[in-house]
PDB file of N, CA and C in Angstrom:
ATOM      1  N   UNK A   1      44.233 102.818 142.891  1.00  0.00           N
ATOM      2  CA  UNK A   1      43.922 104.128 142.943  1.00  0.00           C
ATOM      3  C   UNK A   1      42.136 104.245 143.312  1.00  0.00           C
ATOM      4  N   UNK A   2      41.528 103.360 142.777  1.00  0.00           N
ATOM      5  CA  UNK A   2      39.817 102.862 143.049  1.00  0.00           C
ATOM      6  C   UNK A   2      40.673 102.045 143.639  1.00  0.00           C
ATOM      7  N   UNK A   3      40.913 101.274 144.441  1.00  0.00           N
ATOM      8  CA  UNK A   3      40.610 100.242 145.793  1.00  0.00           C
ATOM      9  C   UNK A   3      39.544 100.431 146.488  1.00  0.00           C
ATOM     10  N   UNK A   4      38.985  99.612 146.590  1.00  0.00           N
ATOM     11  CA  UNK A   4      38.189  99.543 148.049  1.00  0.00           C
ATOM     12  C   UNK A   4      36.972 100.858 147.495  1.00  0.00           C
ATOM     13  N   UNK A   5      36.580 101.183 145.625  1.00  0.00           N
ATOM     14  CA  UNK A   5      35.899 101.945 146.014  1.00  0.00           C
ATOM     15  C   UNK A   5      34.177 101.428 145.904  1.00  0.00           C
ATOM     16  N   UNK A   6      34.175 100.308 145.177  1.00  0.00           N
ATOM     17  CA  UNK A   6      32.203  99.850 145.462  1.00  0.00           C
ATOM     18  C   UNK A   6      32.295  98.757 146.341  1.00  0.00           C
ATOM     19  N   UNK A   7      32.965  98.801 147.747  1.00  0.00           N
ATOM     20  CA  UNK A   7      32.328  98.108 148.909  1.00  0.00           C
ATOM     21  C   UNK A   7      30.884  98.647 149.327  1.00  0.00           C
ATOM     22  N   UNK A   8      30.698  97.533 149.437  1.00  0.00           N
ATOM     23  CA  UNK A   8      29.156  97.646 149.995  1.00  0.00           C
ATOM     24  C   UNK A   8      28.579  98.824 150.821  1.00  0.00           C
ATOM     25  N   UNK A   9      29.108  99.631 151.925  1.00  0.00           N
ATOM     26  CA  UNK A   9      28.841 100.882 152.272  1.00  0.00           C
ATOM     27  C   UNK A   9      29.028 101.721 151.192  1.00  0.00           C
ATOM     28  N   UNK A  10      29.616 101.844 150.700  1.00  0.00           N
ATOM     29  CA  UNK A  10      29.803 102.828 149.842  1.00  0.00           C
ATOM     30  C   UNK A  10      28.686 102.118 148.477  1.00  0.00           C
ATOM     31  N   UNK A  11      28.391 101.773 148.152  1.00  0.00           N
ATOM     32  CA  UNK A  11      27.454 101.540 147.358  1.00  0.00           C
ATOM     33  C   UNK A  11      25.560 102.169 148.242  1.00  0.00           C
ATOM     34  N   UNK A  12      26.124 101.407 148.942  1.00  0.00           N
ATOM     35  CA  UNK A  12      24.349 101.766 149.724  1.00  0.00           C
ATOM     36  C   UNK A  12      24.638 102.651 149.988  1.00  0.00           C
ATOM     37  N   UNK A  13      25.604 103.875 150.425  1.00  0.00           N
ATOM     38  CA  UNK A  13      25.562 105.440 150.497  1.00  0.00           C
ATOM     39  C   UNK A  13      24.963 106.297 149.365  1.00  0.00           C
ATOM     40  N   UNK A  14      25.282 105.080 148.216  1.00  0.00           N
ATOM     41  CA  UNK A  14      25.016 105.673 146.531  1.00  0.00           C
ATOM     42  C   UNK A  14      23.287 106.180 145.741  1.00  0.00           C
ATOM     43  N   UNK A  15      23.206 104.212 146.654  1.00  0.00           N
ATOM     44  CA  UNK A  15      22.161 103.805 146.699  1.00  0.00           C
ATOM     45  C   UNK A  15      20.811 105.254 148.095  1.00  0.00           C
ATOM     46  N   UNK A  16      21.103 105.886 148.605  1.00  0.00           N
ATOM     47  CA  UNK A  16      19.993 106.443 149.714  1.00  0.00           C
ATOM     48  C   UNK A  16      20.686 108.117 148.936  1.00  0.00           C
ATOM     49  N   UNK A  17      21.985 108.148 148.242  1.00  0.00           N
ATOM     50  CA  UNK A  17      21.299 109.508 147.150  1.00  0.00           C
ATOM     51  C   UNK A  17      20.950 109.561 146.675  1.00  0.00           C
ATOM     52  N   UNK A  18      20.967 108.311 145.780  1.00  0.00           N
ATOM     53  CA  UNK A  18      19.885 108.637 144.185  1.00  0.00           C
ATOM     54  C   UNK A  18      18.369 108.527 145.037  1.00  0.00           C
ATOM     55  N   UNK A  19      17.611 107.645 146.026  1.00  0.00           N
ATOM     56  CA  UNK A  19      16.474 107.845 146.625  1.00  0.00           C
ATOM     57  C   UNK A  19      15.812 109.021 147.069  1.00  0.00           C
ATOM     58  N   UNK A  20      17.475 110.164 147.484  1.00  0.00           N
ATOM     59  CA  UNK A  20      16.708 110.911 148.384  1.00  0.00           C
ATOM     60  C   UNK A  20      16.726 111.964 146.955  1.00  0.00           C
ATOM     61  N   UNK A  21      18.027 112.183 145.898  1.00  0.00           N
ATOM     62  CA  UNK A  21      17.319 112.836 144.993  1.00  0.00           C
ATOM     63  C   UNK A  21      16.039 112.650 144.187  1.00  0.00           C
ATOM     64  N   UNK A  22      15.766 111.154 143.638  1.00  0.00           N
ATOM     65  CA  UNK A  22      15.080 111.531 142.032  1.00  0.00           C
ATOM     66  C   UNK A  22      13.916 110.762 142.818  1.00  0.00           C
ATOM     67  N   UNK A  23      13.735 109.711 144.142  1.00  0.00           N
ATOM     68  CA  UNK A  23      12.538 108.920 144.965  1.00  0.00           C
ATOM     69  C   UNK A  23      12.216 107.769 144.224  1.00  0.00           C
ATOM     70  N   UNK A  24      11.518 106.936 144.907  1.00  0.00           N
ATOM     71  CA  UNK A  24      11.698 105.537 144.731  1.00  0.00           C
ATOM     72  C   UNK A  24      10.633 105.194 143.904  1.00  0.00           C
ATOM     73  N   UNK A  25       9.664 105.748 143.279  1.00  0.00           N
ATOM     74  CA  UNK A  25       9.395 106.105 142.042  1.00  0.00           C
ATOM     75  C   UNK A  25       9.763 105.877 140.755  1.00  0.00           C
ATOM     76  N   UNK A  26      10.841 106.623 140.925  1.00  0.00           N
ATOM     77  CA  UNK A  26      11.852 107.197 139.729  1.00  0.00           C
ATOM     78  C   UNK A  26      13.488 105.857 139.487  1.00  0.00           C
ATOM     79  N   UNK A  27      13.287 106.024 140.784  1.00  0.00           N
ATOM     80  CA  UNK A  27      14.782 105.336 141.003  1.00  0.00           C
ATOM     81  C   UNK A  27      14.536 103.530 139.591  1.00  0.00           C
ATOM     82  N   UNK A  28      13.061 102.938 140.452  1.00  0.00           N
ATOM     83  CA  UNK A  28      13.809 101.215 139.173  1.00  0.00           C
ATOM     84  C   UNK A  28      13.539 101.941 137.872  1.00  0.00           C
ATOM     85  N   UNK A  29      12.808 103.235 137.652  1.00  0.00           N
ATOM     86  CA  UNK A  29      12.593 103.358 135.829  1.00  0.00           C
ATOM     87  C   UNK A  29      14.292 103.722 135.283  1.00  0.00           C
ATOM     88  N   UNK A  30      14.866 104.626 136.209  1.00  0.00           N
ATOM     89  CA  UNK A  30      16.264 104.928 135.856  1.00  0.00           C
ATOM     90  C   UNK A  30      17.384 103.683 135.651  1.00  0.00           C
ATOM     91  N   UNK A  31      17.001 102.802 137.167  1.00  0.00           N
ATOM     92  CA  UNK A  31      17.976 101.093 136.758  1.00  0.00           C
ATOM     93  C   UNK A  31      17.573 100.131 135.330  1.00  0.00           C
ATOM     94  N   UNK A  32      16.260 100.549 135.080  1.00  0.00           N
ATOM     95  CA  UNK A  32      15.948  99.707 134.157  1.00  0.00           C
ATOM     96  C   UNK A  32      16.405 100.636 132.624  1.00  0.00           C
ATOM     97  N   UNK A  33      16.297 101.436 132.933  1.00  0.00           N
ATOM     98  CA  UNK A  33      16.823 102.605 131.234  1.00  0.00           C
ATOM     99  C   UNK A  33      18.784 102.635 131.483  1.00  0.00           C
ATOM    100  N   UNK A  34      19.339 102.670 132.920  1.00  0.00           N
ATOM    101  CA  UNK A  34      20.604 102.093 132.354  1.00  0.00           C
ATOM    102  C   UNK A  34      20.532 100.660 131.900  1.00  0.00           C
ATOM    103  N   UNK A  35      20.007 100.046 132.681  1.00  0.00           N
ATOM    104  CA  UNK A  35      20.368  99.132 132.010  1.00  0.00           C
ATOM    105  C   UNK A  35      19.894  98.021 131.072  1.00  0.00           C
ATOM    106  N   UNK A  36      19.390  98.801 130.230  1.00  0.00           N
ATOM    107  CA  UNK A  36      18.807  98.880 128.964  1.00  0.00           C
ATOM    108  C   UNK A  36      19.871  99.852 127.770  1.00  0.00           C
ATOM    109  N   UNK A  37      20.611 100.613 128.356  1.00  0.00           N
ATOM    110  CA  UNK A  37      21.428 101.110 127.622  1.00  0.00           C
ATOM    111  C   UNK A  37      23.255 100.280 127.410  1.00  0.00           C
ATOM    112  N   UNK A  38      22.962  99.858 128.504  1.00  0.00           N
ATOM    113  CA  UNK A  38      24.640  98.718 129.259  1.00  0.00           C
ATOM    114  C   UNK A  38      24.142  98.027 128.346  1.00  0.00           C
ATOM    115  N   UNK A  39      22.816  97.305 128.507  1.00  0.00           N
ATOM    116  CA  UNK A  39      23.031  95.525 127.105  1.00  0.00           C
ATOM    117  C   UNK A  39      23.144  96.371 125.342  1.00  0.00           C
ATOM    118  N   UNK A  40      22.302  98.131 125.157  1.00  0.00           N
ATOM    119  CA  UNK A  40      22.381  98.210 123.417  1.00  0.00           C
ATOM    120  C   UNK A  40      23.999  99.041 123.051  1.00  0.00           C
ATOM    121  N   UNK A  41      24.923  99.367 124.630  1.00  0.00           N
ATOM    122  CA  UNK A  41      25.490  99.291 124.587  1.00  0.00           C
ATOM    123  C   UNK A  41      27.502  97.992 123.798  1.00  0.00           C
ATOM    124  N   UNK A  42      26.775  96.980 124.811  1.00  0.00           N
ATOM    125  CA  UNK A  42      27.127  95.598 124.807  1.00  0.00           C
ATOM    126  C   UNK A  42      27.158  94.919 123.232  1.00  0.00           C
ATOM    127  N   UNK A  43      25.200  95.126 123.340  1.00  0.00           N
ATOM    128  CA  UNK A  43      25.024  94.886 121.726  1.00  0.00           C
ATOM    129  C   UNK A  43      25.912  95.424 120.077  1.00  0.00           C
ATOM    130  N   UNK A  44      26.401  96.865 120.164  1.00  0.00           N
ATOM    131  CA  UNK A  44      26.401  97.658 119.478  1.00  0.00           C
ATOM    132  C   UNK A  44      28.554  97.476 118.761  1.00  0.00           C
ATOM    133  N   UNK A  45      28.977  97.080 120.427  1.00  0.00           N
ATOM    134  CA  UNK A  45      30.462  96.749 120.472  1.00  0.00           C
ATOM    135  C   UNK A  45      30.057  95.092 119.957  1.00  0.00           C
ATOM    136  N   UNK A  46      29.835  94.120 120.380  1.00  0.00           N
ATOM    137  CA  UNK A  46      30.187  92.750 119.721  1.00  0.00           C
ATOM    138  C   UNK A  46      29.483  93.166 118.132  1.00  0.00           C
ATOM    139  N   UNK A  47      28.474  94.022 117.510  1.00  0.00           N
ATOM    140  CA  UNK A  47      27.962  94.223 116.496  1.00  0.00           C
ATOM    141  C   UNK A  47      29.639  94.580 115.561  1.00  0.00           C
ATOM    142  N   UNK A  48      30.149  95.297 116.020  1.00  0.00           N
ATOM    143  CA  UNK A  48      30.730  96.696 115.386  1.00  0.00           C
ATOM    144  C   UNK A  48      32.717  96.022 115.426  1.00  0.00           C
ATOM    145  N   UNK A  49      32.647  94.836 116.387  1.00  0.00           N
ATOM    146  CA  UNK A  49      33.783  93.914 116.245  1.00  0.00           C
ATOM    147  C   UNK A  49      33.847  93.047 115.376  1.00  0.00           C
ATOM    148  N   UNK A  50      32.702  92.284 114.967  1.00  0.00           N
ATOM    149  CA  UNK A  50      32.119  91.443 114.242  1.00  0.00           C
ATOM    150  C   UNK A  50      32.564  92.109 112.525  1.00  0.00           C
ATOM    151  N   UNK A  51      31.903  93.507 113.090  1.00  0.00           N
ATOM    152  CA  UNK A  51      32.166  93.811 111.113  1.00  0.00           C
ATOM    153  C   UNK A  51      33.625  94.382 110.763  1.00  0.00           C
ATOM    154  N   UNK A  52      34.333  94.687 111.555  1.00  0.00           N
ATOM    155  CA  UNK A  52      35.840  95.339 112.445  1.00  0.00           C
ATOM    156  C   UNK A  52      36.713  93.877 111.446  1.00  0.00           C
ATOM    157  N   UNK A  53      36.416  92.732 111.713  1.00  0.00           N
ATOM    158  CA  UNK A  53      37.029  91.447 112.056  1.00  0.00           C
ATOM    159  C   UNK A  53      36.835  90.924 110.217  1.00  0.00           C
ATOM    160  N   UNK A  54      34.973  91.007 109.873  1.00  0.00           N
ATOM    161  CA  UNK A  54      35.239  90.835 108.867  1.00  0.00           C
ATOM    162  C   UNK A  54      35.714  91.569 107.587  1.00  0.00           C
ATOM    163  N   UNK A  55      35.913  92.730 107.332  1.00  0.00           N
ATOM    164  CA  UNK A  55      36.738  93.997 106.775  1.00  0.00           C
ATOM    165  C   UNK A  55      38.117  94.115 106.558  1.00  0.00           C
ATOM    166  N   UNK A  56      38.948  93.410 108.108  1.00  0.00           N
ATOM    167  CA  UNK A  56      39.860  92.588 108.275  1.00  0.00           C
ATOM    168  C   UNK A  56      40.449  91.598 107.327  1.00  0.00           C
ATOM    169  N   UNK A  57      39.537  91.018 107.225  1.00  0.00           N
ATOM    170  CA  UNK A  57      39.861  89.345 106.516  1.00  0.00           C
ATOM    171  C   UNK A  57      40.056  89.650 105.716  1.00  0.00           C
ATOM    172  N   UNK A  58      38.842  90.384 104.795  1.00  0.00           N
ATOM    173  CA  UNK A  58      38.463  90.434 103.360  1.00  0.00           C
ATOM    174  C   UNK A  58      39.209  91.412 102.920  1.00  0.00           C
ATOM    175  N   UNK A  59      40.441  91.490 103.561  1.00  0.00           N
ATOM    176  CA  UNK A  59      41.632  92.728 103.507  1.00  0.00           C
ATOM    177  C   UNK A  59      42.293  91.787 103.759  1.00  0.00           C
ATOM    178  N   UNK A  60      42.781  90.673 103.899  1.00  0.00           N
ATOM    179  CA  UNK A  60      43.442  90.412 103.842  1.00  0.00           C
ATOM    180  C   UNK A  60      43.913  89.370 103.265  1.00  0.00           C
ATOM    181  N   UNK A  61      42.472  89.096 102.478  1.00  0.00           N
ATOM    182  CA  UNK A  61      42.400  87.933 101.516  1.00  0.00           C
ATOM    183  C   UNK A  61      43.078  88.401 100.153  1.00  0.00           C
ATOM    184  N   UNK A  62      42.598  89.402 100.176  1.00  0.00           N
ATOM    185  CA  UNK A  62      42.426  90.428  98.995  1.00  0.00           C
ATOM    186  C   UNK A  62      43.852  90.548  99.107  1.00  0.00           C
ATOM    187  N   UNK A  63      44.792  90.800  99.926  1.00  0.00           N
ATOM    188  CA  UNK A  63      45.812  91.421  99.836  1.00  0.00           C
ATOM    189  C   UNK A  63      46.834  90.106  99.565  1.00  0.00           C
ATOM    190  N   UNK A  64      46.662  89.179 100.034  1.00  0.00           N
ATOM    191  CA  UNK A  64      47.828  87.707  99.972  1.00  0.00           C
ATOM    192  C   UNK A  64      47.108  86.829  98.969  1.00  0.00           C
ATOM    193  N   UNK A  65      45.746  86.756  98.144  1.00  0.00           N
ATOM    194  CA  UNK A  65      44.806  86.249  97.423  1.00  0.00           C
ATOM    195  C   UNK A  65      45.026  86.418  95.678  1.00  0.00           C
ATOM    196  N   UNK A  66      45.453  87.842  95.985  1.00  0.00           N
ATOM    197  CA  UNK A  66      45.566  88.643  94.518  1.00  0.00           C
ATOM    198  C   UNK A  66      46.611  88.883  93.390  1.00  0.00           C
ATOM    199  N   UNK A  67      47.297  88.275  94.351  1.00  0.00           N
ATOM    200  CA  UNK A  67      48.741  88.393  93.247  1.00  0.00           C
ATOM    201  C   UNK A  67      48.924  86.559  92.977  1.00  0.00           C
ATOM    202  N   UNK A  68      48.728  86.043  93.777  1.00  0.00           N
ATOM    203  CA  UNK A  68      48.900  84.597  93.338  1.00  0.00           C
ATOM    204  C   UNK A  68      47.768  84.380  92.536  1.00  0.00           C
ATOM    205  N   UNK A  69      46.086  84.735  92.225  1.00  0.00           N
ATOM    206  CA  UNK A  69      45.599  84.324  91.217  1.00  0.00           C
ATOM    207  C   UNK A  69      46.465  85.038  90.070  1.00  0.00           C
ATOM    208  N   UNK A  70      46.221  86.439  90.010  1.00  0.00           N
ATOM    209  CA  UNK A  70      47.432  87.057  88.671  1.00  0.00           C
ATOM    210  C   UNK A  70      48.308  86.198  87.949  1.00  0.00           C
ATOM    211  N   UNK A  71      48.575  85.218  89.193  1.00  0.00           N
ATOM    212  CA  UNK A  71      50.220  84.979  88.617  1.00  0.00           C
ATOM    213  C   UNK A  71      50.029  83.732  87.698  1.00  0.00           C
ATOM    214  N   UNK A  72      48.577  82.774  88.491  1.00  0.00           N
ATOM    215  CA  UNK A  72      48.487  81.741  87.639  1.00  0.00           C
ATOM    216  C   UNK A  72      47.054  82.194  86.501  1.00  0.00           C
ATOM    217  N   UNK A  73      46.953  83.138  86.217  1.00  0.00           N
ATOM    218  CA  UNK A  73      45.782  83.229  84.871  1.00  0.00           C
ATOM    219  C   UNK A  73      46.783  84.192  84.760  1.00  0.00           C
ATOM    220  N   UNK A  74      47.906  84.432  84.363  1.00  0.00           N
ATOM    221  CA  UNK A  74      48.844  85.126  83.737  1.00  0.00           C
ATOM    222  C   UNK A  74      49.609  83.376  82.913  1.00  0.00           C
ATOM    223  N   UNK A  75      49.741  82.783  83.952  1.00  0.00           N
ATOM    224  CA  UNK A  75      50.759  82.099  83.859  1.00  0.00           C
ATOM    225  C   UNK A  75      49.401  80.543  82.407  1.00  0.00           C
ATOM    226  N   UNK A  76      47.954  80.673  82.594  1.00  0.00           N
ATOM    227  CA  UNK A  76      47.369  79.843  82.003  1.00  0.00           C
ATOM    228  C   UNK A  76      46.843  81.018  81.068  1.00  0.00           C
ATOM    229  N   UNK A  77      46.859  81.805  80.485  1.00  0.00           N
ATOM    230  CA  UNK A  77      46.884  82.914  79.172  1.00  0.00           C
ATOM    231  C   UNK A  77      48.604  82.337  78.283  1.00  0.00           C
ATOM    232  N   UNK A  78      49.321  82.399  78.917  1.00  0.00           N
ATOM    233  CA  UNK A  78      50.876  81.864  78.323  1.00  0.00           C
ATOM    234  C   UNK A  78      50.919  80.287  77.867  1.00  0.00           C
ATOM    235  N   UNK A  79      50.407  79.686  78.816  1.00  0.00           N
ATOM    236  CA  UNK A  79      50.384  78.781  78.597  1.00  0.00           C
ATOM    237  C   UNK A  79      50.049  78.007  76.877  1.00  0.00           C
ATOM    238  N   UNK A  80      48.666  78.137  77.220  1.00  0.00           N
ATOM    239  CA  UNK A  80      48.344  77.789  75.574  1.00  0.00           C
ATOM    240  C   UNK A  80      48.658  78.584  74.571  1.00  0.00           C
ATOM    241  N   UNK A  81      49.463  79.643  74.964  1.00  0.00           N
ATOM    242  CA  UNK A  81      49.603  80.360  73.950  1.00  0.00           C
ATOM    243  C   UNK A  81      51.425  80.378  72.647  1.00  0.00           C
ATOM    244  N   UNK A  82      52.297  79.414  74.187  1.00  0.00           N
ATOM    245  CA  UNK A  82      53.823  78.629  73.744  1.00  0.00           C
ATOM    246  C   UNK A  82      53.341  78.167  72.928  1.00  0.00           C
ATOM    247  N   UNK A  83      51.699  76.888  73.088  1.00  0.00           N
ATOM    248  CA  UNK A  83      52.526  75.752  72.415  1.00  0.00           C
ATOM    249  C   UNK A  83      51.273  75.583  71.304  1.00  0.00           C
ATOM    250  N   UNK A  84      50.964  76.309  70.666  1.00  0.00           N
ATOM    251  CA  UNK A  84      50.366  77.241  69.750  1.00  0.00           C
ATOM    252  C   UNK A  84      50.879  77.757  68.311  1.00  0.00           C
TER     253      UNK A  84
END
Protein backbone atom coordinates (compact mmCIF):
# COMPACT_ATOMS: atom_id res chain seq x y z
CA UNK A 1 0.00 0.00 0.00
CA UNK A 2 2.76 2.47 0.94
CA UNK A 3 5.24 1.06 -1.50
CA UNK A 4 7.51 3.80 -2.81
CA UNK A 5 6.05 6.46 -0.53
CA UNK A 6 9.42 7.79 0.62
CA UNK A 7 11.19 8.01 -2.69
CA UNK A 8 13.63 10.91 -3.11
CA UNK A 9 11.26 12.85 -5.37
CA UNK A 10 8.43 12.56 -2.83
CA UNK A 11 10.67 13.70 0.00
CA UNK A 12 11.86 16.67 -2.06
CA UNK A 13 8.24 17.61 -2.79
CA UNK A 14 7.38 17.43 0.94
CA UNK A 15 10.42 19.60 1.76
CA UNK A 16 9.38 22.24 -0.80
CA UNK A 17 5.83 22.31 0.59
CA UNK A 18 7.21 22.70 4.13
CA UNK A 19 9.52 25.47 2.98
CA UNK A 20 6.62 27.34 1.40
CA UNK A 21 4.37 27.02 4.46
CA UNK A 22 6.89 27.65 7.24
CA UNK A 23 9.72 29.59 5.62
CA UNK A 24 13.47 29.07 5.75
CA UNK A 25 13.89 30.37 9.32
CA UNK A 26 11.23 28.22 10.89
CA UNK A 27 12.06 24.92 9.14
CA UNK A 28 15.25 24.10 11.14
CA UNK A 29 13.39 24.83 14.40
CA UNK A 30 10.62 22.45 13.39
CA UNK A 31 13.15 19.77 12.46
CA UNK A 32 14.96 20.14 15.78
CA UNK A 33 11.68 19.97 17.69
CA UNK A 34 10.61 16.89 15.77
CA UNK A 35 13.95 15.18 16.43
CA UNK A 36 13.76 16.00 20.14
CA UNK A 37 10.23 14.65 20.31
CA UNK A 38 11.23 11.39 18.65
CA UNK A 39 14.20 10.95 21.02
CA UNK A 40 11.99 11.56 24.06
CA UNK A 41 9.42 9.10 22.75
CA UNK A 42 12.06 6.40 22.23
CA UNK A 43 13.47 7.06 25.71
CA UNK A 44 10.01 6.80 27.31
CA UNK A 45 9.28 3.58 25.42
CA UNK A 46 12.57 2.05 26.58
CA UNK A 47 11.96 3.05 30.22
CA UNK A 48 8.39 1.77 30.05
CA UNK A 49 9.60 -1.53 28.62
CA UNK A 50 12.17 -1.92 31.40
CA UNK A 51 9.55 -1.15 34.04
CA UNK A 52 7.09 -3.57 32.46
CA UNK A 53 9.71 -6.33 32.36
CA UNK A 54 10.71 -5.75 35.99
CA UNK A 55 7.08 -5.85 37.16
CA UNK A 56 6.50 -8.98 35.09
CA UNK A 57 9.58 -10.72 36.49
CA UNK A 58 8.64 -9.69 40.07
CA UNK A 59 5.18 -11.18 39.53
CA UNK A 60 6.69 -14.41 38.24
CA UNK A 61 9.05 -14.62 41.21
CA UNK A 62 6.18 -14.15 43.63
CA UNK A 63 3.99 -16.66 41.80
CA UNK A 64 6.68 -19.33 41.55
CA UNK A 65 8.69 -18.60 44.69
CA UNK A 66 5.96 -18.17 47.31
CA UNK A 67 4.59 -21.76 47.44
CA UNK A 68 8.08 -23.24 47.70
CA UNK A 69 9.04 -20.89 50.49
CA UNK A 70 5.83 -21.50 52.41
CA UNK A 71 6.22 -25.28 52.12
CA UNK A 72 9.83 -25.18 53.31
CA UNK A 73 8.90 -22.93 56.24
CA UNK A 74 6.08 -25.29 57.27
CA UNK A 75 8.46 -28.23 57.06
CA UNK A 76 10.95 -26.44 59.29
CA UNK A 77 8.26 -25.60 61.84
CA UNK A 78 6.91 -29.16 61.91
CA UNK A 79 10.35 -30.78 61.99
CA UNK A 80 11.46 -29.60 65.47
CA UNK A 81 7.92 -29.97 66.87
CA UNK A 82 7.81 -33.66 65.96
CA UNK A 83 11.17 -34.47 67.55
CA UNK A 84 10.40 -32.62 70.78
